[in-house]
């Protein structure tokens, strides 16, 4: 029952990619929100723009990279 680390990583590759996509989405959402607020965009507008951008990024990366559709 000795599974090599390479086989284990390959077996759960989609899970690791899903985690990376999620963390990337959080970074984009928080980073863009911070930047927009710093340049004077109202918080509710900045939050909407940041959320929409993160949502589209997450959808695209999940579809293309995580699940390969």
Protein backbone atom coordinates (compact mmCIF):
# COMPACT_ATOMS: atom_id res chain seq x y z
CA UNK A 1 0.00 0.00 0.00
CA UNK A 2 2.96 2.29 -0.59
CA UNK A 3 1.79 5.11 -2.85
CA UNK A 4 4.59 7.37 -4.01
CA UNK A 5 4.23 11.09 -3.41
CA UNK A 6 4.19 11.69 -7.16
CA UNK A 7 1.23 9.37 -7.64
CA UNK A 8 -0.56 10.98 -4.70
CA UNK A 9 -0.08 14.47 -6.10
CA UNK A 10 -1.17 13.36 -9.57
CA UNK A 11 -4.22 11.59 -8.13
CA UNK A 12 -5.38 14.77 -6.39
CA UNK A 13 -4.09 17.24 -8.98
CA UNK A 14 -7.53 18.73 -9.60
CA UNK A 15 -7.95 19.37 -5.86
CA UNK A 16 -4.62 21.23 -5.65
CA UNK A 17 -5.53 23.26 -8.72
CA UNK A 18 -8.91 24.09 -7.21
CA UNK A 19 -7.18 25.36 -4.06
CA UNK A 20 -4.73 27.46 -6.10
CA UNK A 21 -7.58 28.97 -8.10
CA UNK A 22 -9.47 29.80 -4.91
CA UNK A 23 -6.47 31.47 -3.31
CA UNK A 24 -5.77 33.41 -6.51
CA UNK A 25 -9.36 34.60 -6.55
CA UNK A 26 -9.15 35.78 -2.94
CA UNK A 27 -5.92 37.66 -3.69
CA UNK A 28 -7.51 39.36 -6.71
CA UNK A 29 -10.66 40.28 -4.80
CA UNK A 30 -8.89 41.72 -1.76
CA UNK A 31 -6.07 43.33 -3.75
CA UNK A 32 -8.35 45.00 -6.27
CA UNK A 33 -10.70 46.19 -3.52
CA UNK A 34 -7.77 47.74 -1.65
CA UNK A 35 -6.38 49.42 -4.77
CA UNK A 36 -9.71 50.85 -5.86
CA UNK A 37 -10.46 52.25 -2.41
CA UNK A 38 -6.97 53.79 -2.27
CA UNK A 39 -7.56 55.70 -5.53
CA UNK A 40 -10.84 57.09 -4.24
CA UNK A 41 -13.51 54.78 -5.59
CA UNK A 42 -16.42 54.46 -3.12
CA UNK A 43 -16.28 51.21 -1.15
CA UNK A 44 -19.57 49.79 -2.46
CA UNK A 45 -18.53 50.41 -6.08
CA UNK A 46 -15.03 49.06 -5.46
CA UNK A 47 -16.44 45.95 -3.78
CA UNK A 48 -18.76 45.31 -6.72
CA UNK A 49 -15.96 45.68 -9.27
CA UNK A 50 -13.56 43.53 -7.23
CA UNK A 51 -16.17 40.82 -6.70
CA UNK A 52 -17.15 40.74 -10.38
CA UNK A 53 -13.54 40.55 -11.49
CA UNK A 54 -12.77 37.78 -9.00
CA UNK A 55 -15.89 35.87 -10.03
CA UNK A 56 -15.01 35.96 -13.73
CA UNK A 57 -11.41 35.03 -12.98
CA UNK A 58 -12.48 32.11 -10.82
CA UNK A 59 -14.93 30.84 -13.43
CA UNK A 60 -12.37 31.09 -16.23
CA UNK A 61 -9.47 29.52 -14.32
CA UNK A 62 -11.65 26.74 -12.92
CA UNK A 63 -13.07 25.91 -16.31
CA UNK A 64 -9.82 26.05 -18.29
CA UNK A 65 -7.09 25.06 -15.84
CA UNK A 66 -8.70 23.08 -13.01
CA UNK A 67 -11.18 20.97 -14.91
CA UNK A 68 -9.77 21.31 -18.44
CA UNK A 69 -13.12 21.89 -20.11
